[in-house]
């Protein structure tokens, strides 16, 4: 059964809903923080993460633990991007000496990251997977560009990628899964496409698709513990 949480209007909600001691704990040492890899959506780039990465730094993350993966969103989620993401994760792990990473994806970025977690090495290398406005069960808007863009075809309801990702357990393995979705999202149709069975599914206030990238309430819910990706539990 999908678990739905509504993001509270006050930033204090993060401290209230999280475990009390974790919210008051001192920042984790940089070397013990999981590196966070941010993955943009269709026709975007790493620059969309400027505000959120700044927030992470302000709340205890070391700059050298924050990464943004850039990719060609017109290419195949499962045949091309999965392998390239796997290589990037290995590069980050080697560079930082960490054992695992956290993945934060927006929109289309949810598909290659989720494919990596479900069918690649991600169940060993990913601690926490977060989807902001992801087309996890497809979006009807994708039909507008599916004729000329592979990324759009992958996002279309019933596509090979969508069907394969949702076959069996939607949130398999020891990875923690979190989704954020908005009933006012004009790009994910229906908006309830984002939540996954077995994940912590958080409904935001009335936000447009790209507003989830910069909303302070979403940011505060992501970084509940100082220097740690800790989403408030159900």
C-alpha atoms as a PDB file:
ATOM      1  CA  UNK A   1       0.000   0.000   0.000  1.00  0.00           C
ATOM      2  CA  UNK A   2       1.301   3.456  -0.838  1.00  0.00           C
ATOM      3  CA  UNK A   3       2.075   5.653   2.133  1.00  0.00           C
ATOM      4  CA  UNK A   4       1.220   9.316   1.616  1.00  0.00           C
ATOM      5  CA  UNK A   5       2.554  12.183   3.731  1.00  0.00           C
ATOM      6  CA  UNK A   6       1.582  15.814   3.199  1.00  0.00           C
ATOM      7  CA  UNK A   7       4.492  18.244   3.569  1.00  0.00           C
ATOM      8  CA  UNK A   8       3.774  20.543   6.505  1.00  0.00           C
ATOM      9  CA  UNK A   9       3.630  24.297   6.012  1.00  0.00           C
ATOM     10  CA  UNK A  10       6.274  24.964   8.636  1.00  0.00           C
ATOM     11  CA  UNK A  11       9.943  24.068   8.265  1.00  0.00           C
ATOM     12  CA  UNK A  12       9.751  22.996  11.904  1.00  0.00           C
ATOM     13  CA  UNK A  13       7.765  19.975  10.776  1.00  0.00           C
ATOM     14  CA  UNK A  14      10.981  18.256   9.734  1.00  0.00           C
ATOM     15  CA  UNK A  15      12.355  18.366  13.256  1.00  0.00           C
ATOM     16  CA  UNK A  16       9.010  17.355  14.736  1.00  0.00           C
ATOM     17  CA  UNK A  17       8.349  14.401  12.423  1.00  0.00           C
ATOM     18  CA  UNK A  18      11.912  13.111  12.372  1.00  0.00           C
ATOM     19  CA  UNK A  19      13.360  11.230  15.283  1.00  0.00           C
ATOM     20  CA  UNK A  20      14.075  13.886  17.889  1.00  0.00           C
ATOM     21  CA  UNK A  21      17.726  13.036  18.671  1.00  0.00           C
ATOM     22  CA  UNK A  22      18.652  12.876  14.982  1.00  0.00           C
ATOM     23  CA  UNK A  23      17.336  16.376  14.324  1.00  0.00           C
ATOM     24  CA  UNK A  24      19.410  17.788  17.181  1.00  0.00           C
ATOM     25  CA  UNK A  25      22.571  15.810  16.471  1.00  0.00           C
ATOM     26  CA  UNK A  26      25.830  17.510  15.481  1.00  0.00           C
ATOM     27  CA  UNK A  27      26.721  17.466  11.774  1.00  0.00           C
ATOM     28  CA  UNK A  28      28.182  14.228  10.512  1.00  0.00           C
ATOM     29  CA  UNK A  29      31.847  14.312   9.627  1.00  0.00           C
ATOM     30  CA  UNK A  30      32.292  14.881   5.901  1.00  0.00           C
ATOM     31  CA  UNK A  31      34.012  11.535   5.489  1.00  0.00           C
ATOM     32  CA  UNK A  32      31.007   9.661   6.896  1.00  0.00           C
ATOM     33  CA  UNK A  33      28.400  11.394   4.724  1.00  0.00           C
ATOM     34  CA  UNK A  34      27.056   9.478   1.775  1.00  0.00           C
ATOM     35  CA  UNK A  35      27.875  11.381  -1.410  1.00  0.00           C
ATOM     36  CA  UNK A  36      24.683  12.714  -2.996  1.00  0.00           C
ATOM     37  CA  UNK A  37      24.280  12.487  -6.760  1.00  0.00           C
ATOM     38  CA  UNK A  38      21.631  14.796  -8.223  1.00  0.00           C
ATOM     39  CA  UNK A  39      20.106  13.756 -11.556  1.00  0.00           C
ATOM     40  CA  UNK A  40      18.207  16.308 -13.654  1.00  0.00           C
ATOM     41  CA  UNK A  41      15.156  15.774 -15.835  1.00  0.00           C
ATOM     42  CA  UNK A  42      14.449  16.063 -19.560  1.00  0.00           C
ATOM     43  CA  UNK A  43      16.112  18.914 -21.488  1.00  0.00           C
ATOM     44  CA  UNK A  44      17.757  20.199 -18.306  1.00  0.00           C
ATOM     45  CA  UNK A  45      21.259  20.189 -16.843  1.00  0.00           C
ATOM     46  CA  UNK A  46      23.172  20.201 -13.562  1.00  0.00           C
ATOM     47  CA  UNK A  47      22.494  23.928 -13.129  1.00  0.00           C
ATOM     48  CA  UNK A  48      18.936  23.201 -11.963  1.00  0.00           C
ATOM     49  CA  UNK A  49      20.369  21.931  -8.685  1.00  0.00           C
ATOM     50  CA  UNK A  50      22.084  25.168  -7.636  1.00  0.00           C
ATOM     51  CA  UNK A  51      19.530  26.143  -5.002  1.00  0.00           C
ATOM     52  CA  UNK A  52      19.175  22.668  -3.509  1.00  0.00           C
ATOM     53  CA  UNK A  53      22.902  21.982  -3.335  1.00  0.00           C
ATOM     54  CA  UNK A  54      23.374  25.355  -1.627  1.00  0.00           C
ATOM     55  CA  UNK A  55      20.733  24.330   0.911  1.00  0.00           C
ATOM     56  CA  UNK A  56      22.535  21.039   1.516  1.00  0.00           C
ATOM     57  CA  UNK A  57      25.794  22.877   2.158  1.00  0.00           C
ATOM     58  CA  UNK A  58      24.078  25.280   4.548  1.00  0.00           C
ATOM     59  CA  UNK A  59      22.739  22.314   6.485  1.00  0.00           C
ATOM     60  CA  UNK A  60      25.890  20.357   7.093  1.00  0.00           C
ATOM     61  CA  UNK A  61      26.947  18.786   3.816  1.00  0.00           C
ATOM     62  CA  UNK A  62      30.509  19.095   2.642  1.00  0.00           C
ATOM     63  CA  UNK A  63      30.724  20.502  -0.889  1.00  0.00           C
ATOM     64  CA  UNK A  64      32.940  17.626  -1.972  1.00  0.00           C
ATOM     65  CA  UNK A  65      30.144  15.153  -1.185  1.00  0.00           C
ATOM     66  CA  UNK A  66      27.677  16.756  -3.626  1.00  0.00           C
ATOM     67  CA  UNK A  67      27.652  15.741  -7.297  1.00  0.00           C
ATOM     68  CA  UNK A  68      25.412  16.277 -10.321  1.00  0.00           C
ATOM     69  CA  UNK A  69      25.284  13.793 -13.176  1.00  0.00           C
ATOM     70  CA  UNK A  70      24.730  15.231 -16.641  1.00  0.00           C
ATOM     71  CA  UNK A  71      23.272  13.121 -19.431  1.00  0.00           C
ATOM     72  CA  UNK A  72      21.521  13.309 -22.786  1.00  0.00           C
ATOM     73  CA  UNK A  73      17.852  12.943 -21.895  1.00  0.00           C
ATOM     74  CA  UNK A  74      16.927  11.903 -25.446  1.00  0.00           C
ATOM     75  CA  UNK A  75      18.740   8.577 -25.090  1.00  0.00           C
ATOM     76  CA  UNK A  76      17.431   5.238 -23.878  1.00  0.00           C
ATOM     77  CA  UNK A  77      16.902   4.929 -20.128  1.00  0.00           C
ATOM     78  CA  UNK A  78      17.635   1.213 -19.974  1.00  0.00           C
ATOM     79  CA  UNK A  79      20.120   0.572 -22.780  1.00  0.00           C
ATOM     80  CA  UNK A  80      22.394   3.606 -22.601  1.00  0.00           C
ATOM     81  CA  UNK A  81      21.858   5.752 -19.542  1.00  0.00           C
ATOM     82  CA  UNK A  82      21.841   2.940 -17.001  1.00  0.00           C
ATOM     83  CA  UNK A  83      25.387   1.935 -17.921  1.00  0.00           C
ATOM     84  CA  UNK A  84      26.635   5.514 -17.937  1.00  0.00           C
ATOM     85  CA  UNK A  85      25.083   6.194 -14.539  1.00  0.00           C
ATOM     86  CA  UNK A  86      26.685   3.027 -13.171  1.00  0.00           C
ATOM     87  CA  UNK A  87      30.092   4.263 -14.322  1.00  0.00           C
ATOM     88  CA  UNK A  88      29.478   7.669 -12.752  1.00  0.00           C
ATOM     89  CA  UNK A  89      28.468   6.123  -9.422  1.00  0.00           C
ATOM     90  CA  UNK A  90      31.650   4.045  -9.401  1.00  0.00           C
ATOM     91  CA  UNK A  91      33.662   7.178 -10.157  1.00  0.00           C
ATOM     92  CA  UNK A  92      32.061   9.017  -7.217  1.00  0.00           C
ATOM     93  CA  UNK A  93      32.633   6.085  -4.865  1.00  0.00           C
ATOM     94  CA  UNK A  94      36.272   5.867  -5.914  1.00  0.00           C
ATOM     95  CA  UNK A  95      36.787   9.602  -5.552  1.00  0.00           C
ATOM     96  CA  UNK A  96      35.205   9.852  -2.109  1.00  0.00           C
ATOM     97  CA  UNK A  97      36.104   6.470  -0.626  1.00  0.00           C
ATOM     98  CA  UNK A  98      32.432   5.975   0.293  1.00  0.00           C
ATOM     99  CA  UNK A  99      30.623   2.636   0.227  1.00  0.00           C
ATOM    100  CA  UNK A 100      27.267   3.989  -0.944  1.00  0.00           C
ATOM    101  CA  UNK A 101      25.673   7.068  -2.497  1.00  0.00           C
ATOM    102  CA  UNK A 102      22.276   8.724  -2.222  1.00  0.00           C
ATOM    103  CA  UNK A 103      20.450   9.553  -5.474  1.00  0.00           C
ATOM    104  CA  UNK A 104      18.121  12.556  -5.809  1.00  0.00           C
ATOM    105  CA  UNK A 105      16.383  12.667  -9.193  1.00  0.00           C
ATOM    106  CA  UNK A 106      13.932  15.081 -10.776  1.00  0.00           C
ATOM    107  CA  UNK A 107      11.321  14.102 -13.370  1.00  0.00           C
ATOM    108  CA  UNK A 108      12.784  11.878 -16.142  1.00  0.00           C
ATOM    109  CA  UNK A 109      15.927  11.436 -14.038  1.00  0.00           C
ATOM    110  CA  UNK A 110      13.863   9.128 -11.852  1.00  0.00           C
ATOM    111  CA  UNK A 111      13.791   6.463 -14.571  1.00  0.00           C
ATOM    112  CA  UNK A 112      17.503   5.783 -15.254  1.00  0.00           C
ATOM    113  CA  UNK A 113      18.291   6.051 -11.550  1.00  0.00           C
ATOM    114  CA  UNK A 114      15.507   3.666 -10.642  1.00  0.00           C
ATOM    115  CA  UNK A 115      16.543   1.269 -13.408  1.00  0.00           C
ATOM    116  CA  UNK A 116      20.075   1.285 -11.996  1.00  0.00           C
ATOM    117  CA  UNK A 117      18.760   0.554  -8.508  1.00  0.00           C
ATOM    118  CA  UNK A 118      16.397  -2.230  -9.598  1.00  0.00           C
ATOM    119  CA  UNK A 119      18.358  -3.946 -12.345  1.00  0.00           C
ATOM    120  CA  UNK A 120      21.953  -2.759 -11.933  1.00  0.00           C
ATOM    121  CA  UNK A 121      24.332  -2.638  -8.993  1.00  0.00           C
ATOM    122  CA  UNK A 122      22.269  -0.012  -7.193  1.00  0.00           C
ATOM    123  CA  UNK A 123      20.925  -2.290  -4.486  1.00  0.00           C
ATOM    124  CA  UNK A 124      24.496  -2.522  -3.207  1.00  0.00           C
ATOM    125  CA  UNK A 125      25.722   0.997  -3.969  1.00  0.00           C
ATOM    126  CA  UNK A 126      22.646   3.141  -3.221  1.00  0.00           C
ATOM    127  CA  UNK A 127      21.462   3.856   0.310  1.00  0.00           C
ATOM    128  CA  UNK A 128      18.594   6.256  -0.408  1.00  0.00           C
ATOM    129  CA  UNK A 129      16.780   6.948  -3.695  1.00  0.00           C
ATOM    130  CA  UNK A 130      14.621  10.076  -3.930  1.00  0.00           C
ATOM    131  CA  UNK A 131      12.294  10.982  -6.804  1.00  0.00           C
ATOM    132  CA  UNK A 132      11.036  14.549  -7.166  1.00  0.00           C
ATOM    133  CA  UNK A 133       8.030  14.634  -9.527  1.00  0.00           C
ATOM    134  CA  UNK A 134       9.095  11.436 -11.252  1.00  0.00           C
ATOM    135  CA  UNK A 135       6.979   9.810 -14.014  1.00  0.00           C
ATOM    136  CA  UNK A 136       7.271   6.512 -12.170  1.00  0.00           C
ATOM    137  CA  UNK A 137       4.097   5.094 -13.690  1.00  0.00           C
ATOM    138  CA  UNK A 138       4.318   7.184 -16.859  1.00  0.00           C
ATOM    139  CA  UNK A 139       2.886  10.548 -17.812  1.00  0.00           C
ATOM    140  CA  UNK A 140       0.352  11.297 -20.542  1.00  0.00           C
ATOM    141  CA  UNK A 141       2.308  14.450 -21.416  1.00  0.00           C
ATOM    142  CA  UNK A 142       5.064  12.241 -22.860  1.00  0.00           C
ATOM    143  CA  UNK A 143       2.865  11.399 -25.839  1.00  0.00           C
ATOM    144  CA  UNK A 144       3.394  14.960 -27.092  1.00  0.00           C
ATOM    145  CA  UNK A 145       7.054  14.255 -27.864  1.00  0.00           C
ATOM    146  CA  UNK A 146       7.232  10.457 -28.023  1.00  0.00           C
ATOM    147  CA  UNK A 147       7.403  10.423 -31.830  1.00  0.00           C
ATOM    148  CA  UNK A 148      10.843  12.040 -31.904  1.00  0.00           C
ATOM    149  CA  UNK A 149      12.424  11.601 -28.463  1.00  0.00           C
ATOM    150  CA  UNK A 150      13.455   8.345 -26.768  1.00  0.00           C
ATOM    151  CA  UNK A 151      13.267   9.878 -23.306  1.00  0.00           C
ATOM    152  CA  UNK A 152       9.642  10.790 -23.965  1.00  0.00           C
ATOM    153  CA  UNK A 153       8.885   7.286 -25.227  1.00  0.00           C
ATOM    154  CA  UNK A 154      10.374   5.871 -22.031  1.00  0.00           C
ATOM    155  CA  UNK A 155       8.086   8.119 -19.938  1.00  0.00           C
ATOM    156  CA  UNK A 156       4.916   7.195 -21.816  1.00  0.00           C
ATOM    157  CA  UNK A 157       2.409   5.070 -19.873  1.00  0.00           C
ATOM    158  CA  UNK A 158       2.816   1.402 -20.749  1.00  0.00           C
ATOM    159  CA  UNK A 159       6.273   1.836 -22.314  1.00  0.00           C
ATOM    160  CA  UNK A 160       8.801  -0.974 -22.016  1.00  0.00           C
ATOM    161  CA  UNK A 161      10.717   0.980 -19.377  1.00  0.00           C
ATOM    162  CA  UNK A 162       7.662   1.868 -17.272  1.00  0.00           C
ATOM    163  CA  UNK A 163       6.272  -1.670 -17.496  1.00  0.00           C
ATOM    164  CA  UNK A 164       9.581  -3.279 -16.589  1.00  0.00           C
ATOM    165  CA  UNK A 165      10.252  -0.943 -13.658  1.00  0.00           C
ATOM    166  CA  UNK A 166       6.831  -1.645 -12.171  1.00  0.00           C
ATOM    167  CA  UNK A 167       6.872  -5.393 -12.651  1.00  0.00           C
ATOM    168  CA  UNK A 168       7.224  -7.205  -9.351  1.00  0.00           C
ATOM    169  CA  UNK A 169       8.217  -5.127  -6.340  1.00  0.00           C
ATOM    170  CA  UNK A 170       8.253  -1.403  -7.123  1.00  0.00           C
ATOM    171  CA  UNK A 171      10.761  -0.666  -4.333  1.00  0.00           C
ATOM    172  CA  UNK A 172      12.979  -3.759  -4.051  1.00  0.00           C
ATOM    173  CA  UNK A 173      16.000  -4.487  -1.913  1.00  0.00           C
ATOM    174  CA  UNK A 174      17.418  -2.731   1.138  1.00  0.00           C
ATOM    175  CA  UNK A 175      17.399   0.712  -0.532  1.00  0.00           C
ATOM    176  CA  UNK A 176      15.260   3.423   1.077  1.00  0.00           C
ATOM    177  CA  UNK A 177      12.793   4.915  -1.415  1.00  0.00           C
ATOM    178  CA  UNK A 178      11.135   8.333  -1.171  1.00  0.00           C
ATOM    179  CA  UNK A 179       8.961  10.206  -3.648  1.00  0.00           C
ATOM    180  CA  UNK A 180       7.683  13.784  -3.639  1.00  0.00           C
ATOM    181  CA  UNK A 181       4.632  14.651  -5.719  1.00  0.00           C
ATOM    182  CA  UNK A 182       2.232  17.542  -6.185  1.00  0.00           C
ATOM    183  CA  UNK A 183      -1.418  17.479  -7.206  1.00  0.00           C
ATOM    184  CA  UNK A 184      -0.672  20.679  -9.190  1.00  0.00           C
ATOM    185  CA  UNK A 185       2.117  19.122 -11.288  1.00  0.00           C
ATOM    186  CA  UNK A 186       1.321  19.991 -14.903  1.00  0.00           C
ATOM    187  CA  UNK A 187       3.958  17.642 -16.381  1.00  0.00           C
ATOM    188  CA  UNK A 188       3.130  14.427 -14.533  1.00  0.00           C
ATOM    189  CA  UNK A 189      -0.357  13.377 -15.609  1.00  0.00           C
ATOM    190  CA  UNK A 190      -1.891  11.911 -13.595  1.00  0.00           C
ATOM    191  CA  UNK A 191      -0.004  13.442 -10.675  1.00  0.00           C
ATOM    192  CA  UNK A 192      -0.420  10.223  -8.685  1.00  0.00           C
ATOM    193  CA  UNK A 193       1.975   8.551 -11.121  1.00  0.00           C
ATOM    194  CA  UNK A 194       4.920   9.438  -8.899  1.00  0.00           C
ATOM    195  CA  UNK A 195       4.236   7.474  -5.660  1.00  0.00           C
ATOM    196  CA  UNK A 196       5.554   3.917  -5.452  1.00  0.00           C
ATOM    197  CA  UNK A 197       4.399   0.947  -3.430  1.00  0.00           C
ATOM    198  CA  UNK A 198       6.779   0.383  -0.540  1.00  0.00           C
ATOM    199  CA  UNK A 199       8.201   3.924  -0.657  1.00  0.00           C
ATOM    200  CA  UNK A 200       7.699   6.895   1.609  1.00  0.00           C
ATOM    201  CA  UNK A 201       5.459   9.024  -0.617  1.00  0.00           C
ATOM    202  CA  UNK A 202       5.203  12.700   0.278  1.00  0.00           C
ATOM    203  CA  UNK A 203       2.564  14.973  -1.190  1.00  0.00           C
ATOM    204  CA  UNK A 204       3.743  18.576  -1.320  1.00  0.00           C
ATOM    205  CA  UNK A 205       1.689  21.722  -1.312  1.00  0.00           C
ATOM    206  CA  UNK A 206       0.355  22.950  -4.695  1.00  0.00           C
ATOM    207  CA  UNK A 207       3.622  23.126  -6.650  1.00  0.00           C
ATOM    208  CA  UNK A 208       4.299  23.148 -10.379  1.00  0.00           C
ATOM    209  CA  UNK A 209       6.646  20.543 -11.831  1.00  0.00           C
ATOM    210  CA  UNK A 210       9.892  22.522 -11.630  1.00  0.00           C
ATOM    211  CA  UNK A 211       8.961  24.202  -8.356  1.00  0.00           C
ATOM    212  CA  UNK A 212       9.857  21.014  -6.500  1.00  0.00           C
ATOM    213  CA  UNK A 213      13.495  21.789  -7.316  1.00  0.00           C
ATOM    214  CA  UNK A 214      13.491  25.033  -5.344  1.00  0.00           C
ATOM    215  CA  UNK A 215      10.735  24.705  -2.751  1.00  0.00           C
ATOM    216  CA  UNK A 216      12.092  25.297   0.778  1.00  0.00           C
ATOM    217  CA  UNK A 217       9.677  22.822   2.349  1.00  0.00           C
ATOM    218  CA  UNK A 218      10.861  20.031   0.057  1.00  0.00           C
ATOM    219  CA  UNK A 219      14.469  20.917   0.849  1.00  0.00           C
ATOM    220  CA  UNK A 220      13.832  20.983   4.591  1.00  0.00           C
ATOM    221  CA  UNK A 221      12.116  17.604   4.457  1.00  0.00           C
ATOM    222  CA  UNK A 222      15.092  16.112   2.589  1.00  0.00           C
ATOM    223  CA  UNK A 223      17.765  17.268   5.016  1.00  0.00           C
ATOM    224  CA  UNK A 224      16.164  16.644   8.376  1.00  0.00           C
ATOM    225  CA  UNK A 225      19.387  15.617  10.078  1.00  0.00           C
ATOM    226  CA  UNK A 226      22.455  17.884   9.860  1.00  0.00           C
ATOM    227  CA  UNK A 227      24.605  16.672   6.991  1.00  0.00           C
ATOM    228  CA  UNK A 228      22.450  13.636   6.337  1.00  0.00           C
ATOM    229  CA  UNK A 229      19.741  12.791   3.820  1.00  0.00           C
ATOM    230  CA  UNK A 230      16.974  11.953   6.300  1.00  0.00           C
ATOM    231  CA  UNK A 231      13.380  12.141   5.117  1.00  0.00           C
ATOM    232  CA  UNK A 232      10.755  12.297   7.877  1.00  0.00           C
ATOM    233  CA  UNK A 233       9.251   8.843   8.409  1.00  0.00           C
ATOM    234  CA  UNK A 234       5.599   7.874   8.347  1.00  0.00           C
END
